Amino acid sequence: MTRSLQAVAYRRPSVLESAAGGQLLGLETSRGATPMGVKDHPQFFAGFLTSPQVASAALLAVADVAAARYYQQQLRASLDPVVTGNGDRLRFESFSGCCGVYARLDVLEPGLDGGEVGHGTTNVDVNNPLREALSRIGSDDPLHLRVGPEELAVTTMDGPVVEKKVPLPDRWLRGFAEAQVIAAGFDLRAELPAADAVRFLRALPRGGARPASPGPRWVVPSGNTLRPTTRAVPGAVCLPGPERLIALQRVLRHATALRVYGPAVTGGAAATASAWEVVLPGMRLTLTLSPDASRGFSGEGGVLDALATDEAAEDAELISVLLAWEPRVDVADLASASGLTPERVRAALIRLGTSGRVGYDTAEAAYFHRELPYDAERVERHNPRLRSARALVAAGAVALDGALGTVTAEDGHVHRVRDEAGVLSCSCLWWAKYRGGRGPCKHALAVRMVRRGDAAAELDMARVEADAR
């Protein structure tokens, strides 16, 4: 697995301390992106939390996921959460070390009071002493929140006094990208009122329990609750590795509802990802689960087509200028402003998602702008299927013949790629195993690249002939 060391530096540790009229939660920021460019230790908010105990519990849940591995649990993982200021809300995001659980806390306008929310994205320090202090927050304790250092601290301290160096696997970065692409295909499947939501979530296994039968778990809406079913039926939602929802236990007593999101399924469908959102006073906490506890988001392949086309790359450059740190990115508005079709805008947003520049909010069925504070271009450079497909194209290993393409692999084997109503199937073992459920294989991807290249060449030739006339 390719990985590097990610250094995050803070001026001091984040702390919860006594202040005039209550307590102050100071979350220290690292180097991050802002509308004015990259800045050291940007400040995004200084004001009050309207529900201090709820916000503290939800922030701890996000930190739980950042420190967790739900598969191969003996290996340790800890990456500080990412915070984004979107002008009207704060978003805290994290990803598990096993790349199978994505967590996001959206603190909305009703959850904030007395301060303007800035724009930008960076890491925030959530250390063990802070976690212990947050767990003791009482319901009546006024809590002032500061995300980023005070100006006094910025001008009087010399450089970072806290530095963490943590492994940053390519799988982790690819997982962040794939999770938002997959979530964009979700719809709301069920909404449970508070009491029923709490009963359902508290009845789930908390870890170590094995399913009674092999295969994925499924649930289907039934009245105000969800009942288990042994197979996928229309309207069902996959609940893969239910013990991975353990982080939601921190906020259950504050929940006002549970919303469940997933793709449309038919009978006999394979396991799918799903999103589980706990609605809280002034905020939302969402966990998105990969299709299996042993299967991280990084290998799902949903971004490969967007990475493989030069058109999407050019469109993404245009769309990126128009994002403006918006909390809700409207595809129709971007299409109007850019002159692109909505389909090309969506492809460009997927492309931007691969570099961490947009996320997807299932509650609002919309993208949002953020800039991950990592070298996220590695997602494209180090994606093994994309790299292999480009190598096949460069080697001249692809031959096209109408709806059929043949690819001569590195080992000399010839694979046949067939186009059936726009869906490319392949004779290789990858296709036989996943049937397109984890994106295109390298052979299908190579055929698509060559086709796009031929189409672009034909278009250029037509333009030359038109100019000559």
Protein backbone atom coordinates (compact mmCIF):
# COMPACT_ATOMS: atom_id res chain seq x y z
CA MET A 1 0.00 0.00 0.00
CA THR A 2 1.43 3.39 -0.99
CA ARG A 3 1.56 5.84 1.89
CA SER A 4 3.36 8.94 3.02
CA LEU A 5 3.74 10.83 6.27
CA GLN A 6 1.30 13.72 6.62
CA ALA A 7 2.56 16.46 8.93
CA VAL A 8 -0.08 18.61 10.63
CA ALA A 9 1.10 21.47 12.82
CA TYR A 10 -0.85 23.46 15.42
CA ARG A 11 0.14 26.48 17.47
CA ARG A 12 -0.98 24.71 20.63
CA PRO A 13 -3.20 21.75 21.54
CA SER A 14 -6.96 22.19 21.34
CA VAL A 15 -8.36 22.69 24.86
CA LEU A 16 -11.56 23.10 26.82
CA GLU A 17 -10.99 25.73 29.46
CA SER A 18 -12.89 27.97 31.84
CA ALA A 19 -13.81 31.41 30.55
CA ALA A 20 -15.95 34.34 31.61
CA GLY A 21 -19.59 33.25 31.56
CA GLY A 22 -18.94 29.56 30.84
CA GLN A 23 -16.36 27.46 29.07
CA LEU A 24 -14.32 27.94 25.90
CA LEU A 25 -13.73 25.15 23.42
CA GLY A 26 -10.70 26.18 21.40
CA LEU A 27 -10.17 23.97 18.36
CA GLU A 28 -6.76 24.65 16.89
CA THR A 29 -6.40 24.57 13.11
CA SER A 30 -3.52 23.47 10.90
CA ARG A 31 -2.51 24.84 7.51
CA GLY A 32 -5.58 25.09 5.28
CA ALA A 33 -7.23 26.44 2.14
CA THR A 34 -9.26 29.67 2.22
CA PRO A 35 -10.71 32.06 -0.41
CA MET A 36 -7.49 34.09 -0.04
CA GLY A 37 -5.28 31.07 -0.69
CA VAL A 38 -3.49 28.70 1.66
CA LYS A 39 -3.06 30.10 5.17
CA ASP A 40 -1.43 28.88 8.36
CA HIS A 41 -3.98 28.29 11.14
CA PRO A 42 -7.06 30.01 9.66
CA GLN A 43 -9.98 30.95 11.94
CA PHE A 44 -13.47 29.93 10.79
CA PHE A 45 -15.70 30.75 13.77
CA ALA A 46 -15.85 32.44 17.16
CA GLY A 47 -19.23 32.28 18.89
CA PHE A 48 -21.47 29.99 20.91
CA LEU A 49 -22.90 26.52 20.42
CA THR A 50 -26.64 26.52 21.13
CA SER A 51 -26.58 22.83 22.23
CA PRO A 52 -23.16 22.37 23.88
CA GLN A 53 -23.64 18.82 25.17
CA VAL A 54 -25.05 17.59 21.86
CA ALA A 55 -22.27 19.22 19.83
CA SER A 56 -19.60 17.81 22.15
CA ALA A 57 -20.97 14.27 21.85
CA ALA A 58 -21.28 14.56 18.06
CA LEU A 59 -17.74 15.91 17.69
CA LEU A 60 -16.48 12.98 19.76
CA ALA A 61 -18.34 10.59 17.44
CA VAL A 62 -16.50 12.07 14.43
CA ALA A 63 -13.21 11.73 16.33
CA ASP A 64 -14.11 8.10 17.17
CA VAL A 65 -14.32 7.27 13.48
CA ALA A 66 -11.04 9.07 12.72
CA ALA A 67 -9.28 6.90 15.31
CA ALA A 68 -10.99 3.60 14.41
CA ARG A 69 -10.33 0.60 12.25
CA TYR A 70 -13.42 -1.58 11.88
CA TYR A 71 -11.45 -4.18 9.93
CA GLN A 72 -8.07 -5.51 11.08
CA GLN A 73 -8.67 -3.73 14.37
CA GLN A 74 -5.24 -4.60 15.77
CA LEU A 75 -3.75 -1.89 13.54
CA ARG A 76 -3.95 1.64 14.90
CA ALA A 77 -5.22 4.63 12.94
CA SER A 78 -5.63 8.27 13.87
CA LEU A 79 -6.08 11.21 11.53
CA ASP A 80 -7.36 14.50 12.86
CA PRO A 81 -10.83 15.46 11.58
CA VAL A 82 -11.21 17.97 8.77
CA VAL A 83 -13.26 21.13 9.35
CA THR A 84 -14.84 23.26 6.62
CA GLY A 85 -16.41 26.67 7.06
CA ASN A 86 -19.13 27.14 4.45
CA GLY A 87 -20.38 30.59 5.45
CA ASP A 88 -23.57 29.36 7.12
CA ARG A 89 -22.37 26.13 8.79
CA LEU A 90 -19.37 24.19 10.04
CA ARG A 91 -18.72 20.68 8.74
CA PHE A 92 -16.46 18.22 10.59
CA GLU A 93 -15.42 15.18 8.53
CA SER A 94 -13.36 12.07 9.21
CA PHE A 95 -12.61 8.73 7.62
CA SER A 96 -11.79 5.49 9.38
CA GLY A 97 -8.33 4.00 9.08
CA CYS A 98 -9.76 0.94 7.31
CA CYS A 99 -11.35 3.23 4.67
CA GLY A 100 -14.82 1.76 5.24
CA VAL A 101 -16.64 4.45 7.29
CA TYR A 102 -17.03 8.14 6.45
CA ALA A 103 -18.36 10.44 9.18
CA ARG A 104 -19.60 14.02 8.92
CA LEU A 105 -21.06 16.40 11.48
CA ASP A 106 -22.91 19.39 10.00
CA VAL A 107 -23.39 22.15 12.60
CA LEU A 108 -26.07 24.27 10.95
CA GLU A 109 -27.11 27.88 11.53
CA PRO A 110 -29.54 27.03 14.38
CA GLY A 111 -26.65 25.27 16.17
CA LEU A 112 -24.41 28.37 16.11
CA ASP A 113 -24.89 31.75 17.76
CA GLY A 114 -23.05 35.03 17.98
CA GLY A 115 -20.44 34.75 15.28
CA GLU A 116 -19.94 34.67 11.54
CA VAL A 117 -18.76 31.46 9.90
CA GLY A 118 -15.75 31.86 7.64
CA HIS A 119 -14.79 29.93 4.52
CA GLY A 120 -12.08 27.31 4.12
CA THR A 121 -10.90 23.83 5.05
CA THR A 122 -8.19 22.50 7.36
CA ASN A 123 -7.47 19.88 10.03
CA VAL A 124 -8.44 20.42 13.66
CA ASP A 125 -6.59 18.97 16.63
CA VAL A 126 -8.70 16.57 18.71
CA ASN A 127 -6.36 15.16 21.36
CA ASN A 128 -7.04 12.72 24.19
CA PRO A 129 -7.21 15.31 27.03
CA LEU A 130 -9.72 17.29 24.95
CA ARG A 131 -11.79 14.15 24.35
CA GLU A 132 -11.96 13.49 28.09
CA ALA A 133 -12.98 17.09 28.78
CA LEU A 134 -15.69 17.06 26.09
CA SER A 135 -17.21 13.90 27.55
CA ARG A 136 -17.86 15.81 30.79
CA ILE A 137 -19.76 18.73 29.23
CA GLY A 138 -23.07 19.29 31.05
CA SER A 139 -26.34 20.25 29.40
CA ASP A 140 -26.47 23.64 31.12
CA ASP A 141 -22.86 24.66 30.52
CA PRO A 142 -22.59 27.70 28.19
CA LEU A 143 -19.95 26.82 25.62
CA HIS A 144 -18.05 29.30 23.50
CA LEU A 145 -16.53 27.74 20.36
CA ARG A 146 -13.47 29.04 18.62
CA VAL A 147 -12.33 27.25 15.45
CA GLY A 148 -8.86 28.62 14.77
CA PRO A 149 -6.47 30.65 16.93
CA GLU A 150 -7.15 34.06 18.36
CA GLU A 151 -5.35 36.91 16.66
CA LEU A 152 -3.30 37.46 19.82
CA ALA A 153 -2.02 33.90 19.63
CA VAL A 154 -1.15 34.32 15.98
CA THR A 155 0.95 37.41 16.54
CA THR A 156 2.75 36.39 19.74
CA MET A 157 3.68 32.74 19.20
CA ASP A 158 6.64 31.63 17.14
CA GLY A 159 5.71 28.80 14.85
CA PRO A 160 3.92 25.55 15.62
CA VAL A 161 4.36 24.03 19.07
CA VAL A 162 2.43 20.85 18.30
CA GLU A 163 3.26 18.70 15.30
CA LYS A 164 1.86 15.29 14.39
CA LYS A 165 3.19 13.04 11.65
CA VAL A 166 0.75 10.33 10.67
CA PRO A 167 0.70 7.77 7.85
CA LEU A 168 -1.55 8.91 5.00
CA PRO A 169 -2.32 5.93 2.72
CA ASP A 170 -3.44 6.48 -0.86
CA ARG A 171 -6.42 4.22 -0.04
CA TRP A 172 -7.58 6.79 2.52
CA LEU A 173 -7.52 9.60 -0.04
CA ARG A 174 -9.24 7.48 -2.69
CA GLY A 175 -11.87 6.49 -0.13
CA PHE A 176 -12.77 10.12 0.54
CA ALA A 177 -13.30 10.59 -3.20
CA GLU A 178 -15.27 7.39 -3.76
CA ALA A 179 -17.59 7.95 -0.77
CA GLN A 180 -19.01 11.19 -2.17
CA VAL A 181 -19.48 9.68 -5.65
CA ILE A 182 -21.41 6.73 -4.22
CA ALA A 183 -23.50 8.93 -1.91
CA ALA A 184 -24.61 11.02 -4.90
CA GLY A 185 -26.60 7.96 -6.02
CA PHE A 186 -28.50 7.64 -2.73
CA ASP A 187 -32.10 8.59 -2.01
CA LEU A 188 -33.94 8.84 1.30
CA ARG A 189 -35.32 5.35 2.04
CA ALA A 190 -36.65 5.66 5.59
CA GLU A 191 -37.14 8.17 8.41
CA LEU A 192 -37.69 7.00 11.98
CA PRO A 193 -38.96 9.23 14.82
CA ALA A 194 -36.73 9.61 17.86
CA ALA A 195 -38.03 6.80 20.08
CA ASP A 196 -38.10 4.22 17.28
CA ALA A 197 -34.69 5.34 16.03
CA VAL A 198 -33.13 4.87 19.46
CA ARG A 199 -34.69 1.42 19.89
CA PHE A 200 -33.47 0.28 16.50
CA LEU A 201 -29.90 1.56 16.87
CA ARG A 202 -29.48 0.29 20.45
CA ALA A 203 -30.51 -3.20 19.34
CA LEU A 204 -27.66 -3.41 16.80
CA PRO A 205 -24.52 -5.43 17.61
CA ARG A 206 -21.71 -3.37 19.11
CA GLY A 207 -18.81 -5.34 17.71
CA GLY A 208 -17.55 -8.87 17.62
CA ALA A 209 -20.97 -10.34 16.82
CA ARG A 210 -21.25 -12.47 13.69
CA PRO A 211 -24.35 -12.45 11.50
CA ALA A 212 -26.67 -15.41 11.96
CA SER A 213 -26.37 -16.24 8.25
CA PRO A 214 -23.68 -15.46 5.67
CA GLY A 215 -24.12 -12.54 3.31
CA PRO A 216 -25.06 -8.88 3.80
CA ARG A 217 -27.74 -7.71 6.22
CA TRP A 218 -30.75 -5.85 4.86
CA VAL A 219 -33.50 -3.81 6.51
CA VAL A 220 -36.80 -2.67 5.09
CA PRO A 221 -39.09 0.17 6.32
CA SER A 222 -42.03 -1.12 8.35
CA GLY A 223 -44.25 1.51 9.97
CA ASN A 224 -42.06 3.71 12.15
CA THR A 225 -39.16 1.30 12.29
CA LEU A 226 -36.92 -0.95 10.19
CA ARG A 227 -37.28 -4.70 10.21
CA PRO A 228 -34.54 -7.10 9.12
CA THR A 229 -34.87 -9.13 5.94
CA THR A 230 -32.64 -11.88 4.63
CA ARG A 231 -32.47 -10.57 1.07
CA ALA A 232 -32.65 -7.44 -1.00
CA VAL A 233 -36.22 -6.50 -1.89
CA PRO A 234 -37.50 -3.28 -3.49
CA GLY A 235 -37.22 -0.46 -0.92
CA ALA A 236 -34.68 -2.33 1.23
CA VAL A 237 -31.46 -0.76 2.53
CA CYS A 238 -28.23 -2.64 3.07
CA LEU A 239 -26.83 -2.55 6.60
CA PRO A 240 -23.29 -3.82 6.05
CA GLY A 241 -21.34 -4.38 9.23
CA PRO A 242 -23.93 -2.87 11.61
CA GLU A 243 -21.37 -2.76 14.42
CA ARG A 244 -19.73 0.09 12.47
CA LEU A 245 -22.57 2.38 13.57
CA ILE A 246 -21.24 2.23 17.13
CA ALA A 247 -20.14 5.90 17.00
CA LEU A 248 -23.82 6.94 16.81
CA GLN A 249 -24.34 5.62 20.35
CA ARG A 250 -22.76 8.82 21.71
CA VAL A 251 -25.65 10.98 20.47
CA LEU A 252 -28.70 8.72 20.71
CA ARG A 253 -30.24 10.41 23.75
CA HIS A 254 -30.24 13.70 21.84
CA ALA A 255 -31.63 12.29 18.57
CA THR A 256 -34.83 13.70 17.12
CA ALA A 257 -34.94 11.34 14.10
CA LEU A 258 -32.97 8.82 12.06
CA ARG A 259 -32.81 9.07 8.28
CA VAL A 260 -31.51 6.23 6.14
CA TYR A 261 -30.21 6.66 2.59
CA GLY A 262 -29.24 4.14 -0.05
CA PRO A 263 -29.46 3.28 -3.74
CA ALA A 264 -32.48 1.65 -5.36
CA VAL A 265 -32.17 -2.14 -5.18
CA THR A 266 -33.88 -5.07 -6.84
CA GLY A 267 -34.32 -8.63 -5.69
CA GLY A 268 -31.04 -10.49 -5.32
CA ALA A 269 -28.91 -7.32 -5.41
CA ALA A 270 -25.38 -7.48 -4.09
CA ALA A 271 -24.38 -5.59 -0.94
CA THR A 272 -24.37 -1.80 -1.29
CA ALA A 273 -23.18 1.20 0.69
CA SER A 274 -25.65 3.18 2.80
CA ALA A 275 -25.77 6.37 4.87
CA TRP A 276 -27.23 6.70 8.39
CA GLU A 277 -28.05 10.22 9.57
CA VAL A 278 -29.00 11.10 13.14
CA VAL A 279 -30.89 14.40 13.28
CA LEU A 280 -29.89 16.48 16.31
CA PRO A 281 -30.89 19.95 17.57
CA GLY A 282 -29.25 22.35 15.12
CA MET A 283 -27.02 19.72 13.53
CA ARG A 284 -26.79 16.39 11.70
CA LEU A 285 -24.40 13.47 12.22
CA THR A 286 -24.03 11.08 9.27
CA LEU A 287 -22.10 7.81 8.94
CA THR A 288 -21.69 6.32 5.47
CA LEU A 289 -20.79 2.62 5.40
CA SER A 290 -18.97 0.78 2.63
CA PRO A 291 -20.65 -2.38 1.24
CA ASP A 292 -18.72 -4.63 3.64
CA ALA A 293 -16.58 -4.17 6.74
CA SER A 294 -13.63 -5.76 4.91
CA ARG A 295 -14.19 -3.64 1.79
CA GLY A 296 -13.05 -0.05 1.89
CA PHE A 297 -14.46 2.70 -0.31
CA SER A 298 -11.08 3.11 -2.02
CA GLY A 299 -11.60 0.21 -4.44
CA GLU A 300 -15.16 0.98 -5.57
CA GLY A 301 -14.09 2.52 -8.90
CA GLY A 302 -16.90 5.05 -9.19
CA VAL A 303 -14.52 7.87 -10.13
CA LEU A 304 -12.51 6.11 -12.83
CA ASP A 305 -14.54 7.20 -15.86
CA ALA A 306 -14.32 10.85 -14.79
CA LEU A 307 -10.56 10.55 -14.26
CA ALA A 308 -10.07 8.98 -17.67
CA THR A 309 -11.48 11.78 -19.82
CA ASP A 310 -9.68 15.00 -20.77
CA GLU A 311 -13.06 16.72 -21.26
CA ALA A 312 -13.97 16.24 -17.58
CA ALA A 313 -10.53 17.54 -16.57
CA GLU A 314 -11.02 20.74 -18.58
CA ASP A 315 -14.59 21.14 -17.34
CA ALA A 316 -13.42 20.64 -13.74
CA GLU A 317 -10.97 23.54 -14.07
CA LEU A 318 -13.84 25.79 -15.17
CA ILE A 319 -16.28 24.61 -12.51
CA SER A 320 -13.69 24.93 -9.73
CA VAL A 321 -13.56 28.70 -10.33
CA LEU A 322 -17.32 28.94 -9.76
CA LEU A 323 -17.60 26.94 -6.52
CA ALA A 324 -16.96 29.88 -4.14
CA TRP A 325 -17.09 27.76 -0.96
CA GLU A 326 -20.84 27.35 -1.33
CA PRO A 327 -22.56 25.12 1.27
CA ARG A 328 -24.92 23.87 -1.44
CA VAL A 329 -23.66 23.51 -4.99
CA ASP A 330 -26.56 23.67 -7.46
CA VAL A 331 -25.88 21.77 -10.70
CA ALA A 332 -28.40 23.82 -12.69
CA ASP A 333 -26.82 27.11 -11.55
CA LEU A 334 -23.34 25.87 -12.44
CA ALA A 335 -24.58 24.71 -15.85
CA SER A 336 -26.03 28.16 -16.51
CA ALA A 337 -22.92 29.99 -15.33
CA SER A 338 -20.46 27.74 -17.17
CA GLY A 339 -22.38 27.06 -20.38
CA LEU A 340 -21.93 23.31 -19.85
CA THR A 341 -24.70 20.73 -19.84
CA PRO A 342 -25.84 19.41 -16.42
CA GLU A 343 -24.31 16.00 -17.33
CA ARG A 344 -20.90 17.59 -17.94
CA VAL A 345 -21.20 19.60 -14.72
CA ARG A 346 -21.87 16.40 -12.76
CA ALA A 347 -18.88 14.69 -14.38
CA ALA A 348 -16.72 17.71 -13.50
CA LEU A 349 -17.94 17.60 -9.89
CA ILE A 350 -17.02 13.91 -9.69
CA ARG A 351 -13.60 14.82 -11.02
CA LEU A 352 -13.26 17.57 -8.39
CA GLY A 353 -14.39 15.11 -5.75
CA THR A 354 -11.43 12.87 -6.57
CA SER A 355 -9.10 15.64 -5.44
CA GLY A 356 -11.12 16.39 -2.31
CA ARG A 357 -12.54 19.66 -3.62
CA VAL A 358 -16.22 18.79 -3.21
CA GLY A 359 -18.22 16.57 -0.89
CA TYR A 360 -21.81 15.37 -1.08
CA ASP A 361 -24.57 16.00 1.47
CA THR A 362 -27.25 13.28 1.30
CA ALA A 363 -29.65 15.30 3.47
CA GLU A 364 -29.75 18.13 0.94
CA ALA A 365 -29.04 15.97 -2.15
CA ALA A 366 -26.35 18.46 -3.14
CA TYR A 367 -22.59 18.83 -3.40
CA PHE A 368 -20.68 21.30 -1.22
CA HIS A 369 -17.32 22.99 -1.70
CA ARG A 370 -14.33 22.13 0.44
CA GLU A 371 -10.61 21.64 -0.13
CA LEU A 372 -8.99 18.70 1.63
CA PRO A 373 -5.66 19.75 3.19
CA TYR A 374 -3.72 16.92 1.54
CA ASP A 375 -1.87 16.25 -1.70
CA ALA A 376 -5.05 14.76 -3.13
CA GLU A 377 -3.70 14.68 -6.70
CA ARG A 378 -2.11 11.42 -5.60
CA VAL A 379 -5.59 9.88 -5.93
CA GLU A 380 -5.21 10.02 -9.70
CA ARG A 381 -1.48 9.36 -9.92
CA HIS A 382 -1.60 6.27 -7.72
CA ASN A 383 -4.91 4.71 -8.76
CA PRO A 384 -3.79 1.25 -9.92
CA ARG A 385 -6.57 0.57 -12.47
CA LEU A 386 -6.28 4.01 -14.01
CA ARG A 387 -2.49 3.72 -14.18
CA SER A 388 -2.72 0.25 -15.77
CA ALA A 389 -5.33 1.39 -18.32
CA ARG A 390 -3.14 4.31 -19.43
CA ALA A 391 -0.19 1.95 -19.77
CA LEU A 392 -2.25 -0.34 -22.02
CA VAL A 393 -3.29 2.60 -24.21
CA ALA A 394 0.30 3.87 -24.41
CA ALA A 395 1.50 0.38 -25.42
CA GLY A 396 -1.02 0.24 -28.29
CA ALA A 397 -2.67 -2.80 -26.72
CA VAL A 398 -6.24 -1.72 -27.60
CA ALA A 399 -7.96 -2.56 -30.89
CA LEU A 400 -11.50 -1.38 -31.68
CA ASP A 401 -14.03 -3.11 -33.89
CA GLY A 402 -17.51 -1.57 -33.60
CA ALA A 403 -19.15 -2.64 -30.35
CA LEU A 404 -16.18 -4.91 -29.59
CA GLY A 405 -12.76 -4.01 -28.31
CA THR A 406 -9.84 -6.33 -27.71
CA VAL A 407 -7.08 -5.63 -25.22
CA THR A 408 -3.82 -7.53 -25.13
CA ALA A 409 -2.72 -7.52 -21.51
CA GLU A 410 0.84 -7.40 -20.22
CA ASP A 411 0.94 -11.18 -19.88
CA GLY A 412 -0.15 -11.70 -23.50
CA HIS A 413 -3.73 -12.73 -22.73
CA VAL A 414 -6.35 -11.16 -25.01
CA HIS A 415 -9.48 -9.80 -23.28
CA ARG A 416 -12.66 -8.94 -25.14
CA VAL A 417 -14.57 -5.83 -24.10
CA ARG A 418 -18.16 -5.63 -25.33
CA ASP A 419 -20.44 -2.58 -25.39
CA GLU A 420 -24.01 -3.39 -24.38
CA ALA A 421 -26.19 -0.25 -24.35
CA GLY A 422 -23.29 1.89 -23.15
CA VAL A 423 -22.17 -0.58 -20.45
CA LEU A 424 -18.78 -2.16 -21.11
CA SER A 425 -18.37 -5.79 -20.05
CA CYS A 426 -15.13 -7.76 -20.24
CA SER A 427 -13.96 -11.36 -20.40
CA CYS A 428 -11.40 -10.84 -17.62
CA LEU A 429 -11.54 -12.28 -14.10
CA TRP A 430 -12.21 -8.83 -12.55
CA TRP A 431 -15.45 -8.48 -14.49
CA ALA A 432 -16.44 -12.08 -13.77
CA LYS A 433 -16.00 -11.43 -10.04
CA TYR A 434 -17.60 -8.00 -9.67
CA ARG A 435 -19.84 -7.65 -12.76
CA GLY A 436 -19.26 -3.91 -12.81
CA GLY A 437 -20.14 -3.53 -9.14
CA ARG A 438 -16.77 -1.93 -8.37
CA GLY A 439 -16.38 0.20 -11.47
CA PRO A 440 -14.76 -0.69 -14.80
CA CYS A 441 -11.83 -3.08 -15.10
CA LYS A 442 -8.58 -1.75 -16.55
CA HIS A 443 -9.37 -3.26 -19.97
CA ALA A 444 -12.79 -1.58 -20.25
CA LEU A 445 -11.27 1.65 -19.02
CA ALA A 446 -8.56 1.46 -21.69
CA VAL A 447 -11.17 0.83 -24.41
CA ARG A 448 -13.19 3.84 -23.22
CA MET A 449 -10.05 6.02 -23.30
CA VAL A 450 -9.23 5.00 -26.87
CA ARG A 451 -12.83 5.55 -27.99
CA ARG A 452 -12.85 9.03 -26.51
CA GLY A 453 -9.54 9.76 -28.16
CA ASP A 454 -10.85 8.63 -31.56
CA ALA A 455 -14.01 10.68 -31.11
CA ALA A 456 -11.97 13.76 -30.22
CA ALA A 457 -9.74 13.22 -33.26
CA GLU A 458 -12.78 12.91 -35.55
CA LEU A 459 -14.22 16.11 -34.08
CA ASP A 460 -10.95 17.96 -34.63
CA MET A 461 -10.83 16.73 -38.25
CA ALA A 462 -14.41 17.88 -38.84
CA ARG A 463 -13.53 21.30 -37.48
CA VAL A 464 -10.51 21.53 -39.78
CA GLU A 465 -12.63 20.57 -42.80
CA ALA A 466 -15.34 23.06 -41.82
CA ASP A 467 -12.73 25.84 -41.50
CA ALA A 468 -11.33 24.91 -44.91
CA ARG A 469 -14.75 25.29 -46.50
